[in-house]
Amino acid sequence: MQDTMNGVDRSADAQRHRIGVGYEYPLSKLTLINLSLLHDRYQRTGENRRTGTGAEIALRKNF
C-alpha cells in the first residue's frame, strides 16, 4: 500500500474494532461499577492484524 498520497503521510493510519459485553452494578445513585469482557482487533497500515481478548473494570461517577 502506498504510504504517501497527495503529500499526506498515511503510515500512521489505523483501524480498530471492539466488541464487548458487560454488566453494570450500581453502588449508589451516583457511583457504578462496570464489568466488561471484550474482543479487540487492531490493524495499522502495512502491519499485520493484532487481536486480543480481555476484561475491563471501570468505576463510573454520575454528575
PDB file of N, CA and C in Angstrom:
ATOM      1  N   MET A   1       0.841  -1.177   0.000  1.00  0.00           N
ATOM      2  CA  MET A   1       0.000   0.000   0.000  1.00  0.00           C
ATOM      3  C   MET A   1       0.886   1.240   0.000  1.00  0.00           C
ATOM      4  N   GLN A   2       0.451   2.232  -0.645  1.00  0.00           N
ATOM      5  CA  GLN A   2       1.221   3.463  -0.759  1.00  0.00           C
ATOM      6  C   GLN A   2       1.065   4.289   0.523  1.00  0.00           C
ATOM      7  N   ASP A   3       2.214   4.612   1.175  1.00  0.00           N
ATOM      8  CA  ASP A   3       2.170   5.365   2.424  1.00  0.00           C
ATOM      9  C   ASP A   3       1.906   6.847   2.220  1.00  0.00           C
ATOM     10  N   THR A   4       2.353   7.403   1.103  1.00  0.00           N
ATOM     11  CA  THR A   4       2.189   8.831   0.863  1.00  0.00           C
ATOM     12  C   THR A   4       1.370   9.044  -0.402  1.00  0.00           C
ATOM     13  N   MET A   5       0.255   9.768  -0.267  1.00  0.00           N
ATOM     14  CA  MET A   5      -0.583  10.074  -1.410  1.00  0.00           C
ATOM     15  C   MET A   5      -0.976  11.544  -1.304  1.00  0.00           C
ATOM     16  N   ASN A   6      -0.730  12.298  -2.331  1.00  0.00           N
ATOM     17  CA  ASN A   6      -1.034  13.733  -2.353  1.00  0.00           C
ATOM     18  C   ASN A   6      -0.326  14.477  -1.226  1.00  0.00           C
ATOM     19  N   GLY A   7       0.882  14.027  -0.868  1.00  0.00           N
ATOM     20  CA  GLY A   7       1.658  14.708   0.160  1.00  0.00           C
ATOM     21  C   GLY A   7       1.230  14.427   1.584  1.00  0.00           C
ATOM     22  N   VAL A   8       0.316  13.476   1.794  1.00  0.00           N
ATOM     23  CA  VAL A   8      -0.157  13.145   3.136  1.00  0.00           C
ATOM     24  C   VAL A   8       0.420  11.799   3.540  1.00  0.00           C
ATOM     25  N   ASP A   9       1.045  11.746   4.710  1.00  0.00           N
ATOM     26  CA  ASP A   9       1.640  10.506   5.214  1.00  0.00           C
ATOM     27  C   ASP A   9       0.548   9.630   5.821  1.00  0.00           C
ATOM     28  N   ARG A  10       0.343   8.466   5.261  1.00  0.00           N
ATOM     29  CA  ARG A  10      -0.699   7.542   5.725  1.00  0.00           C
ATOM     30  C   ARG A  10      -0.130   6.401   6.574  1.00  0.00           C
ATOM     31  N   SER A  11       1.154   6.425   6.904  1.00  0.00           N
ATOM     32  CA  SER A  11       1.774   5.295   7.600  1.00  0.00           C
ATOM     33  C   SER A  11       1.242   5.105   9.016  1.00  0.00           C
ATOM     34  N   ALA A  12       0.648   6.122   9.615  1.00  0.00           N
ATOM     35  CA  ALA A  12       0.139   6.004  10.982  1.00  0.00           C
ATOM     36  C   ALA A  12      -1.362   5.710  11.034  1.00  0.00           C
ATOM     37  N   ASP A  13      -2.013   5.551   9.887  1.00  0.00           N
ATOM     38  CA  ASP A  13      -3.442   5.245   9.877  1.00  0.00           C
ATOM     39  C   ASP A  13      -3.687   3.889  10.530  1.00  0.00           C
ATOM     40  N   ALA A  14      -4.794   3.776  11.229  1.00  0.00           N
ATOM     41  CA  ALA A  14      -5.113   2.533  11.923  1.00  0.00           C
ATOM     42  C   ALA A  14      -6.610   2.274  11.850  1.00  0.00           C
ATOM     43  N   GLN A  15      -6.963   1.011  12.013  1.00  0.00           N
ATOM     44  CA  GLN A  15      -8.359   0.603  12.034  1.00  0.00           C
ATOM     45  C   GLN A  15      -8.552  -0.281  13.255  1.00  0.00           C
ATOM     46  N   ARG A  16      -9.595  -0.003  14.039  1.00  0.00           N
ATOM     47  CA  ARG A  16      -9.822  -0.758  15.267  1.00  0.00           C
ATOM     48  C   ARG A  16     -11.291  -1.146  15.363  1.00  0.00           C
ATOM     49  N   HIS A  17     -11.531  -2.387  15.784  1.00  0.00           N
ATOM     50  CA  HIS A  17     -12.879  -2.898  16.031  1.00  0.00           C
ATOM     51  C   HIS A  17     -12.891  -3.491  17.433  1.00  0.00           C
ATOM     52  N   ARG A  18     -13.862  -3.064  18.241  1.00  0.00           N
ATOM     53  CA  ARG A  18     -14.004  -3.597  19.598  1.00  0.00           C
ATOM     54  C   ARG A  18     -15.424  -4.100  19.775  1.00  0.00           C
ATOM     55  N   ILE A  19     -15.540  -5.295  20.319  1.00  0.00           N
ATOM     56  CA  ILE A  19     -16.841  -5.877  20.632  1.00  0.00           C
ATOM     57  C   ILE A  19     -16.795  -6.258  22.102  1.00  0.00           C
ATOM     58  N   GLY A  20     -17.804  -5.858  22.846  1.00  0.00           N
ATOM     59  CA  GLY A  20     -17.799  -6.159  24.269  1.00  0.00           C
ATOM     60  C   GLY A  20     -19.189  -6.440  24.794  1.00  0.00           C
ATOM     61  N   VAL A  21     -19.225  -7.153  25.893  1.00  0.00           N
ATOM     62  CA  VAL A  21     -20.465  -7.404  26.607  1.00  0.00           C
ATOM     63  C   VAL A  21     -20.157  -7.164  28.083  1.00  0.00           C
ATOM     64  N   GLY A  22     -21.106  -6.534  28.780  1.00  0.00           N
ATOM     65  CA  GLY A  22     -20.780  -6.167  30.145  1.00  0.00           C
ATOM     66  C   GLY A  22     -21.978  -6.121  31.063  1.00  0.00           C
ATOM     67  N   TYR A  23     -21.673  -5.829  32.310  1.00  0.00           N
ATOM     68  CA  TYR A  23     -22.677  -5.722  33.363  1.00  0.00           C
ATOM     69  C   TYR A  23     -22.399  -4.452  34.155  1.00  0.00           C
ATOM     70  N   GLU A  24     -23.446  -3.749  34.518  1.00  0.00           N
ATOM     71  CA  GLU A  24     -23.327  -2.521  35.297  1.00  0.00           C
ATOM     72  C   GLU A  24     -23.917  -2.769  36.682  1.00  0.00           C
ATOM     73  N   TYR A  25     -23.115  -2.548  37.715  1.00  0.00           N
ATOM     74  CA  TYR A  25     -23.548  -2.765  39.092  1.00  0.00           C
ATOM     75  C   TYR A  25     -23.593  -1.422  39.822  1.00  0.00           C
ATOM     76  N   PRO A  26     -24.778  -0.954  40.217  1.00  0.00           N
ATOM     77  CA  PRO A  26     -24.866   0.330  40.912  1.00  0.00           C
ATOM     78  C   PRO A  26     -24.454   0.199  42.376  1.00  0.00           C
ATOM     79  N   LEU A  27     -23.540   1.056  42.824  1.00  0.00           N
ATOM     80  CA  LEU A  27     -23.152   1.108  44.231  1.00  0.00           C
ATOM     81  C   LEU A  27     -24.010   2.122  44.988  1.00  0.00           C
ATOM     82  N   SER A  28     -24.381   3.203  44.302  1.00  0.00           N
ATOM     83  CA  SER A  28     -25.260   4.231  44.849  1.00  0.00           C
ATOM     84  C   SER A  28     -25.922   4.938  43.665  1.00  0.00           C
ATOM     85  N   LYS A  29     -26.639   6.017  43.934  1.00  0.00           N
ATOM     86  CA  LYS A  29     -27.271   6.760  42.836  1.00  0.00           C
ATOM     87  C   LYS A  29     -26.242   7.417  41.929  1.00  0.00           C
ATOM     88  N   LEU A  30     -25.040   7.695  42.452  1.00  0.00           N
ATOM     89  CA  LEU A  30     -24.031   8.423  41.689  1.00  0.00           C
ATOM     90  C   LEU A  30     -22.834   7.583  41.258  1.00  0.00           C
ATOM     91  N   THR A  31     -22.684   6.386  41.784  1.00  0.00           N
ATOM     92  CA  THR A  31     -21.486   5.584  41.513  1.00  0.00           C
ATOM     93  C   THR A  31     -21.870   4.214  40.964  1.00  0.00           C
ATOM     94  N   LEU A  32     -21.173   3.791  39.897  1.00  0.00           N
ATOM     95  CA  LEU A  32     -21.416   2.497  39.256  1.00  0.00           C
ATOM     96  C   LEU A  32     -20.093   1.775  39.050  1.00  0.00           C
ATOM     97  N   ILE A  33     -20.143   0.461  39.054  1.00  0.00           N
ATOM     98  CA  ILE A  33     -19.009  -0.354  38.622  1.00  0.00           C
ATOM     99  C   ILE A  33     -19.442  -1.067  37.351  1.00  0.00           C
ATOM    100  N   ASN A  34     -18.632  -0.976  36.309  1.00  0.00           N
ATOM    101  CA  ASN A  34     -18.903  -1.650  35.041  1.00  0.00           C
ATOM    102  C   ASN A  34     -17.880  -2.761  34.844  1.00  0.00           C
ATOM    103  N   LEU A  35     -18.346  -3.966  34.577  1.00  0.00           N
ATOM    104  CA  LEU A  35     -17.501  -5.117  34.276  1.00  0.00           C
ATOM    105  C   LEU A  35     -17.757  -5.507  32.833  1.00  0.00           C
ATOM    106  N   SER A  36     -16.698  -5.681  32.037  1.00  0.00           N
ATOM    107  CA  SER A  36     -16.860  -5.983  30.616  1.00  0.00           C
ATOM    108  C   SER A  36     -15.875  -7.042  30.162  1.00  0.00           C
ATOM    109  N   LEU A  37     -16.333  -7.925  29.276  1.00  0.00           N
ATOM    110  CA  LEU A  37     -15.471  -8.830  28.528  1.00  0.00           C
ATOM    111  C   LEU A  37     -15.439  -8.304  27.107  1.00  0.00           C
ATOM    112  N   LEU A  38     -14.260  -8.289  26.489  1.00  0.00           N
ATOM    113  CA  LEU A  38     -14.190  -7.706  25.160  1.00  0.00           C
ATOM    114  C   LEU A  38     -13.212  -8.437  24.265  1.00  0.00           C
ATOM    115  N   HIS A  39     -13.450  -8.239  22.969  1.00  0.00           N
ATOM    116  CA  HIS A  39     -12.563  -8.752  21.920  1.00  0.00           C
ATOM    117  C   HIS A  39     -12.144  -7.548  21.095  1.00  0.00           C
ATOM    118  N   ASP A  40     -10.846  -7.381  20.912  1.00  0.00           N
ATOM    119  CA  ASP A  40     -10.282  -6.193  20.271  1.00  0.00           C
ATOM    120  C   ASP A  40      -9.476  -6.612  19.054  1.00  0.00           C
ATOM    121  N   ARG A  41      -9.718  -5.944  17.912  1.00  0.00           N
ATOM    122  CA  ARG A  41      -8.956  -6.205  16.683  1.00  0.00           C
ATOM    123  C   ARG A  41      -8.410  -4.880  16.181  1.00  0.00           C
ATOM    124  N   TYR A  42      -7.091  -4.819  15.969  1.00  0.00           N
ATOM    125  CA  TYR A  42      -6.405  -3.572  15.640  1.00  0.00           C
ATOM    126  C   TYR A  42      -5.444  -3.823  14.497  1.00  0.00           C
ATOM    127  N   GLN A  43      -5.427  -2.908  13.518  1.00  0.00           N
ATOM    128  CA  GLN A  43      -4.502  -3.042  12.389  1.00  0.00           C
ATOM    129  C   GLN A  43      -4.026  -1.670  11.950  1.00  0.00           C
ATOM    130  N   ARG A  44      -2.698  -1.508  11.875  1.00  0.00           N
ATOM    131  CA  ARG A  44      -2.097  -0.291  11.316  1.00  0.00           C
ATOM    132  C   ARG A  44      -1.746  -0.550   9.866  1.00  0.00           C
ATOM    133  N   THR A  45      -1.661   0.504   9.092  1.00  0.00           N
ATOM    134  CA  THR A  45      -1.317   0.393   7.680  1.00  0.00           C
ATOM    135  C   THR A  45       0.034  -0.288   7.526  1.00  0.00           C
ATOM    136  N   GLY A  46       0.090  -1.324   6.704  1.00  0.00           N
ATOM    137  CA  GLY A  46       1.341  -2.013   6.414  1.00  0.00           C
ATOM    138  C   GLY A  46       1.772  -3.014   7.465  1.00  0.00           C
ATOM    139  N   GLU A  47       0.982  -3.254   8.511  1.00  0.00           N
ATOM    140  CA  GLU A  47       1.328  -4.221   9.549  1.00  0.00           C
ATOM    141  C   GLU A  47       0.279  -5.322   9.598  1.00  0.00           C
ATOM    142  N   ASN A  48       0.633  -6.407  10.255  1.00  0.00           N
ATOM    143  CA  ASN A  48      -0.312  -7.498  10.442  1.00  0.00           C
ATOM    144  C   ASN A  48      -1.370  -7.110  11.470  1.00  0.00           C
ATOM    145  N   ARG A  49      -2.496  -7.774  11.400  1.00  0.00           N
ATOM    146  CA  ARG A  49      -3.594  -7.532  12.324  1.00  0.00           C
ATOM    147  C   ARG A  49      -3.253  -8.115  13.698  1.00  0.00           C
ATOM    148  N   ARG A  50      -3.599  -7.387  14.733  1.00  0.00           N
ATOM    149  CA  ARG A  50      -3.401  -7.856  16.103  1.00  0.00           C
ATOM    150  C   ARG A  50      -4.765  -8.041  16.742  1.00  0.00           C
ATOM    151  N   THR A  51      -4.958  -9.139  17.445  1.00  0.00           N
ATOM    152  CA  THR A  51      -6.220  -9.378  18.130  1.00  0.00           C
ATOM    153  C   THR A  51      -5.941  -9.696  19.587  1.00  0.00           C
ATOM    154  N   GLY A  52      -6.931  -9.448  20.412  1.00  0.00           N
ATOM    155  CA  GLY A  52      -6.800  -9.755  21.825  1.00  0.00           C
ATOM    156  C   GLY A  52      -8.158  -9.885  22.471  1.00  0.00           C
ATOM    157  N   THR A  53      -8.196 -10.630  23.537  1.00  0.00           N
ATOM    158  CA  THR A  53      -9.401 -10.811  24.322  1.00  0.00           C
ATOM    159  C   THR A  53      -9.057 -10.482  25.762  1.00  0.00           C
ATOM    160  N   GLY A  54      -9.941  -9.783  26.451  1.00  0.00           N
ATOM    161  CA  GLY A  54      -9.622  -9.407  27.817  1.00  0.00           C
ATOM    162  C   GLY A  54     -10.838  -8.939  28.576  1.00  0.00           C
ATOM    163  N   ALA A  55     -10.577  -8.280  29.690  1.00  0.00           N
ATOM    164  CA  ALA A  55     -11.633  -7.786  30.559  1.00  0.00           C
ATOM    165  C   ALA A  55     -11.308  -6.362  30.980  1.00  0.00           C
ATOM    166  N   GLU A  56     -12.348  -5.610  31.285  1.00  0.00           N
ATOM    167  CA  GLU A  56     -12.196  -4.247  31.788  1.00  0.00           C
ATOM    168  C   GLU A  56     -13.074  -4.071  33.018  1.00  0.00           C
ATOM    169  N   ILE A  57     -12.574  -3.312  33.957  1.00  0.00           N
ATOM    170  CA  ILE A  57     -13.350  -2.905  35.124  1.00  0.00           C
ATOM    171  C   ILE A  57     -13.271  -1.386  35.190  1.00  0.00           C
ATOM    172  N   ALA A  58     -14.420  -0.735  35.305  1.00  0.00           N
ATOM    173  CA  ALA A  58     -14.445   0.726  35.344  1.00  0.00           C
ATOM    174  C   ALA A  58     -15.314   1.197  36.501  1.00  0.00           C
ATOM    175  N   LEU A  59     -14.844   2.197  37.201  1.00  0.00           N
ATOM    176  CA  LEU A  59     -15.621   2.870  38.231  1.00  0.00           C
ATOM    177  C   LEU A  59     -16.127   4.169  37.623  1.00  0.00           C
ATOM    178  N   ARG A  60     -17.438   4.326  37.554  1.00  0.00           N
ATOM    179  CA  ARG A  60     -18.026   5.498  36.901  1.00  0.00           C
ATOM    180  C   ARG A  60     -18.771   6.346  37.933  1.00  0.00           C
ATOM    181  N   LYS A  61     -18.642   7.639  37.777  1.00  0.00           N
ATOM    182  CA  LYS A  61     -19.288   8.597  38.670  1.00  0.00           C
ATOM    183  C   LYS A  61     -20.248   9.454  37.859  1.00  0.00           C
ATOM    184  N   ASN A  62     -21.515   9.479  38.230  1.00  0.00           N
ATOM    185  CA  ASN A  62     -22.519  10.320  37.563  1.00  0.00           C
ATOM    186  C   ASN A  62     -22.567  11.685  38.234  1.00  0.00           C
ATOM    187  N   PHE A  63     -22.804  12.713  37.426  1.00  0.00           N
ATOM    188  CA  PHE A  63     -22.880  14.081  37.959  1.00  0.00           C
ATOM    189  C   PHE A  63     -24.269  14.624  37.810  1.00  0.00           C
TER     190      PHE A  63
END
